[in-house]
Amino acid sequence: IDGEIFYEKKSFFVSEYDKVESYLESKSQMGYHYVKNKGKKYFFREGKPENYYYTLLYYQYDPEASQWKEWEQDGWKLMYQLPGKKNHEAGWFILRNTLGFGEYKKTIDNDLEKYNLFKKQANSYRSTMFLYFIIMAICSVTIFMILKISGFLEALISSIVILVIALILFFVYAYHLVVIKKTVKRLKTRLRLKEKEDFIRSQNEPDYSQT
C-alpha cells in the first residue's frame, strides 16, 4: 500500500475509544488505512480495501517485551502511540490486526487500566466543576452587592462575564463527566463479569496440589 496520505477531522472523547476503533475499521474497509492522528486530524494512506480491525490500549507504564512478542504472534501490529498527559505515563497504543476468513476478532484485555484511568479523570472533573461552582457563587454574590450599592459598572460587567464563562465551562465539564461515567460503569461491569468467570473456572479446575 503506497497510496497518497490524507487526513480527516473527527472529534471523539477519550472515553469513546470504541467509537475510534469502529471508525478506523470502517475507513480500512473503504481502502483508507490509519497511519497516525494529531488532535482531531486522523491521517490515512489510500490503498485497496482490507479487513483490518483496531484496538486502543491504555497503559500507565510501557508493556514488557514479552507482552509485545505475544501480541505480534497473535497478528497485532503497532500503528501509533499517543503519549499520556503526564510524562511518566506510557499513554495510548493503537494496534491493528487482520480479520481472516472464518476468524473471530481477537481482543486484548485492557479493561482494568482503562477503568483506573477514567475513574481518575472523573474525580478530576468533579474537582474542576466544584471550583467553577465556587467561582459562580462568588460572582453571583458580587453582582448582587454591586446592584444593591449601585455604581461600579465596570465591576458589574466583569462579574457577569466571569459568571457566564464559568457557567459554560461548568456545563462542558459536566457533559464530559457524564460520558466518562458511562464508560467507567461499562468497564466496571465487564471487570466484575471477568472476575466471576475466573472464580467459576477456578472452582471447576481439578486440584493437583496433592499429586
Protein backbone atom coordinates (compact mmCIF):
# COMPACT_ATOMS: atom_id res chain seq x y z
CA ILE A 1 0.00 0.00 0.00
CA ASP A 2 1.89 3.06 -1.26
CA GLY A 3 -1.03 5.39 -1.85
CA GLU A 4 -1.40 9.05 -1.07
CA ILE A 5 -1.73 10.20 2.56
CA PHE A 6 -4.58 12.48 3.55
CA TYR A 7 -6.33 13.43 6.79
CA GLU A 8 -9.89 13.70 8.01
CA LYS A 9 -11.08 15.69 11.01
CA LYS A 10 -13.04 13.75 13.61
CA SER A 11 -13.85 14.60 17.21
CA PHE A 12 -14.01 11.88 19.88
CA PHE A 13 -13.89 11.96 23.65
CA VAL A 14 -11.02 9.99 25.17
CA SER A 15 -13.51 7.63 26.76
CA GLU A 16 -15.06 6.91 23.33
CA TYR A 17 -12.14 4.70 22.28
CA ASP A 18 -14.56 2.05 21.00
CA LYS A 19 -16.01 4.57 18.53
CA VAL A 20 -12.49 5.34 17.32
CA GLU A 21 -11.87 1.62 16.73
CA SER A 22 -15.08 1.32 14.68
CA TYR A 23 -14.22 4.46 12.73
CA LEU A 24 -10.73 3.24 11.79
CA GLU A 25 -12.12 -0.17 10.81
CA SER A 26 -14.76 1.37 8.54
CA LYS A 27 -12.10 3.50 6.83
CA SER A 28 -9.92 0.42 6.17
CA GLN A 29 -12.88 -1.35 4.61
CA MET A 30 -13.14 1.61 2.21
CA GLY A 31 -9.43 1.43 1.37
CA TYR A 32 -8.11 4.15 3.67
CA HIS A 33 -5.73 2.79 6.29
CA TYR A 34 -4.83 4.55 9.51
CA VAL A 35 -1.32 6.00 9.84
CA LYS A 36 -1.44 8.38 12.82
CA ASN A 37 -3.51 11.12 14.39
CA LYS A 38 -2.77 14.53 15.84
CA GLY A 39 -5.61 16.03 17.82
CA LYS A 40 -8.73 15.86 15.67
CA LYS A 41 -6.79 15.05 12.49
CA TYR A 42 -6.71 11.36 11.53
CA PHE A 43 -4.19 10.54 8.79
CA PHE A 44 -4.81 7.70 6.32
CA ARG A 45 -2.95 6.09 3.46
CA GLU A 46 -5.01 5.25 0.39
CA GLY A 47 -4.89 1.67 -0.84
CA LYS A 48 -7.08 -1.34 -1.53
CA PRO A 49 -9.82 -2.26 0.97
CA GLU A 50 -8.67 -4.63 3.72
CA ASN A 51 -10.35 -6.42 6.62
CA TYR A 52 -8.30 -4.58 9.22
CA TYR A 53 -9.61 -4.03 12.73
CA TYR A 54 -8.10 -1.95 15.51
CA THR A 55 -7.80 -1.80 19.27
CA LEU A 56 -6.87 1.15 21.50
CA LEU A 57 -4.95 0.23 24.64
CA TYR A 58 -4.01 2.47 27.55
CA TYR A 59 -1.05 1.73 29.82
CA GLN A 60 0.46 3.77 32.59
CA TYR A 61 3.78 2.01 32.02
CA ASP A 62 5.19 0.56 28.81
CA PRO A 63 4.24 -3.10 28.26
CA GLU A 64 7.09 -5.57 28.65
CA ALA A 65 8.94 -7.05 25.68
CA SER A 66 7.35 -10.47 26.30
CA GLN A 67 3.92 -8.87 26.05
CA TRP A 68 4.77 -7.24 22.73
CA LYS A 69 6.08 -10.57 21.42
CA GLU A 70 2.83 -12.29 22.38
CA TRP A 71 0.78 -9.62 20.60
CA GLU A 72 2.91 -9.89 17.47
CA GLN A 73 2.41 -13.65 17.41
CA ASP A 74 -1.34 -13.01 17.51
CA GLY A 75 -1.00 -10.79 14.45
CA TRP A 76 -1.15 -7.38 16.15
CA LYS A 77 0.90 -4.54 14.70
CA LEU A 78 1.59 -1.25 16.47
CA MET A 79 0.41 1.62 14.28
CA TYR A 80 0.87 4.65 16.52
CA GLN A 81 1.44 5.66 20.14
CA LEU A 82 -0.17 8.68 21.76
CA PRO A 83 1.70 9.86 24.88
CA GLY A 84 -0.16 10.26 28.16
CA LYS A 85 -0.93 13.63 29.73
CA LYS A 86 1.80 13.10 32.31
CA ASN A 87 5.42 12.42 31.41
CA HIS A 88 5.61 9.13 33.31
CA GLU A 89 2.57 7.66 31.54
CA ALA A 90 3.09 5.41 28.54
CA GLY A 91 -0.22 6.59 27.06
CA TRP A 92 -2.36 5.09 24.32
CA PHE A 93 -1.28 2.40 21.84
CA ILE A 94 -3.21 1.88 18.59
CA LEU A 95 -2.79 -1.66 17.26
CA ARG A 96 -4.07 -3.25 14.07
CA ASN A 97 -4.89 -6.83 13.12
CA THR A 98 -6.27 -8.58 10.06
CA LEU A 99 -9.54 -10.48 10.11
CA GLY A 100 -9.06 -13.70 8.16
CA PHE A 101 -11.80 -15.73 6.54
CA GLY A 102 -13.83 -17.61 9.17
CA GLU A 103 -11.92 -15.98 12.05
CA TYR A 104 -13.19 -14.05 15.05
CA LYS A 105 -11.78 -10.69 16.06
CA LYS A 106 -9.04 -11.09 18.65
CA THR A 107 -9.12 -8.96 21.78
CA ILE A 108 -6.58 -7.74 24.32
CA ASP A 109 -7.66 -7.41 27.94
CA ASN A 110 -7.09 -3.78 28.90
CA ASP A 111 -10.24 -3.02 30.90
CA LEU A 112 -8.56 -2.58 34.29
CA GLU A 113 -6.06 0.01 33.05
CA LYS A 114 -8.80 1.98 31.28
CA TYR A 115 -11.08 1.75 34.30
CA ASN A 116 -8.40 3.23 36.58
CA LEU A 117 -7.67 6.00 34.04
CA PHE A 118 -11.27 7.11 33.57
CA LYS A 119 -12.03 6.85 37.26
CA LYS A 120 -9.19 9.31 37.94
CA GLN A 121 -10.44 11.59 35.18
CA ALA A 122 -13.95 11.53 36.60
CA ASN A 123 -12.64 12.58 40.03
CA SER A 124 -10.58 15.33 38.39
CA TYR A 125 -13.64 16.63 36.52
CA ARG A 126 -15.67 16.71 39.73
CA SER A 127 -12.98 18.79 41.43
CA THR A 128 -12.84 21.21 38.48
CA MET A 129 -16.64 21.53 38.44
CA PHE A 130 -16.61 22.31 42.17
CA LEU A 131 -14.05 25.06 41.53
CA TYR A 132 -16.24 26.60 38.82
CA PHE A 133 -19.22 26.37 41.16
CA ILE A 134 -17.31 28.39 43.78
CA ILE A 135 -16.39 30.98 41.13
CA MET A 136 -20.03 31.26 40.05
CA ALA A 137 -21.16 31.66 43.65
CA ILE A 138 -18.62 34.45 44.27
CA CYS A 139 -19.62 36.24 41.07
CA SER A 140 -23.31 35.98 41.94
CA VAL A 141 -22.73 37.49 45.37
CA THR A 142 -20.57 40.24 43.84
CA ILE A 143 -23.25 41.10 41.26
CA PHE A 144 -25.90 41.21 43.99
CA MET A 145 -23.79 43.54 46.17
CA ILE A 146 -23.00 45.90 43.29
CA LEU A 147 -26.67 46.15 42.33
CA LYS A 148 -27.53 46.97 45.93
CA ILE A 149 -24.87 49.64 46.28
CA SER A 150 -25.30 50.99 42.71
CA GLY A 151 -22.38 52.19 40.64
CA PHE A 152 -19.21 50.23 39.86
CA LEU A 153 -20.45 49.48 36.35
CA GLU A 154 -17.11 48.01 35.23
CA ALA A 155 -17.01 45.65 38.20
CA LEU A 156 -20.59 44.59 37.45
CA ILE A 157 -19.83 43.84 33.79
CA SER A 158 -16.64 41.93 34.71
CA SER A 159 -18.51 39.82 37.27
CA ILE A 160 -21.24 38.97 34.76
CA VAL A 161 -18.68 37.97 32.10
CA ILE A 162 -16.78 35.77 34.56
CA LEU A 163 -20.05 34.20 35.72
CA VAL A 164 -21.11 33.35 32.15
CA ILE A 165 -17.70 31.87 31.29
CA ALA A 166 -17.65 29.80 34.48
CA LEU A 167 -21.20 28.60 33.80
CA ILE A 168 -20.32 27.50 30.26
CA LEU A 169 -17.18 25.66 31.41
CA PHE A 170 -19.16 24.06 34.23
CA PHE A 171 -21.66 22.55 31.77
CA VAL A 172 -18.87 21.47 29.38
CA TYR A 173 -17.15 19.55 32.18
CA ALA A 174 -20.50 18.19 33.34
CA TYR A 175 -21.16 16.75 29.86
CA HIS A 176 -17.68 15.22 29.72
CA LEU A 177 -18.22 13.75 33.18
CA VAL A 178 -21.45 12.07 32.08
CA VAL A 179 -19.70 10.47 29.09
CA ILE A 180 -16.78 9.26 31.25
CA LYS A 181 -19.11 7.88 33.96
CA LYS A 182 -20.90 5.76 31.34
CA THR A 183 -17.56 4.32 30.23
CA VAL A 184 -16.48 3.69 33.83
CA LYS A 185 -19.77 1.90 34.56
CA ARG A 186 -19.39 -0.28 31.45
CA LEU A 187 -15.79 -1.20 32.28
CA LYS A 188 -16.70 -1.93 35.90
CA THR A 189 -19.43 -4.33 34.77
CA ARG A 190 -17.03 -6.11 32.41
CA LEU A 191 -14.41 -6.43 35.15
CA ARG A 192 -16.97 -7.93 37.55
CA LEU A 193 -18.08 -10.43 34.92
CA LYS A 194 -14.49 -11.39 34.21
CA GLU A 195 -13.81 -11.82 37.94
CA LYS A 196 -16.90 -14.00 38.26
CA GLU A 197 -15.88 -16.12 35.26
CA ASP A 198 -12.36 -16.57 36.67
CA PHE A 199 -13.81 -17.65 40.01
CA ILE A 200 -16.15 -20.21 38.40
CA ARG A 201 -13.29 -21.51 36.26
CA SER A 202 -11.04 -21.90 39.32
CA GLN A 203 -13.76 -23.86 41.15
CA ASN A 204 -14.17 -26.29 38.26
CA GLU A 205 -10.47 -26.95 37.80
CA PRO A 206 -9.19 -30.20 39.42
CA ASP A 207 -6.90 -29.89 42.43
CA TYR A 208 -3.42 -31.24 41.66
CA SER A 209 -1.80 -29.86 44.81
CA GLN A 210 -1.60 -33.34 46.45
CA THR A 211 -0.17 -35.09 43.39
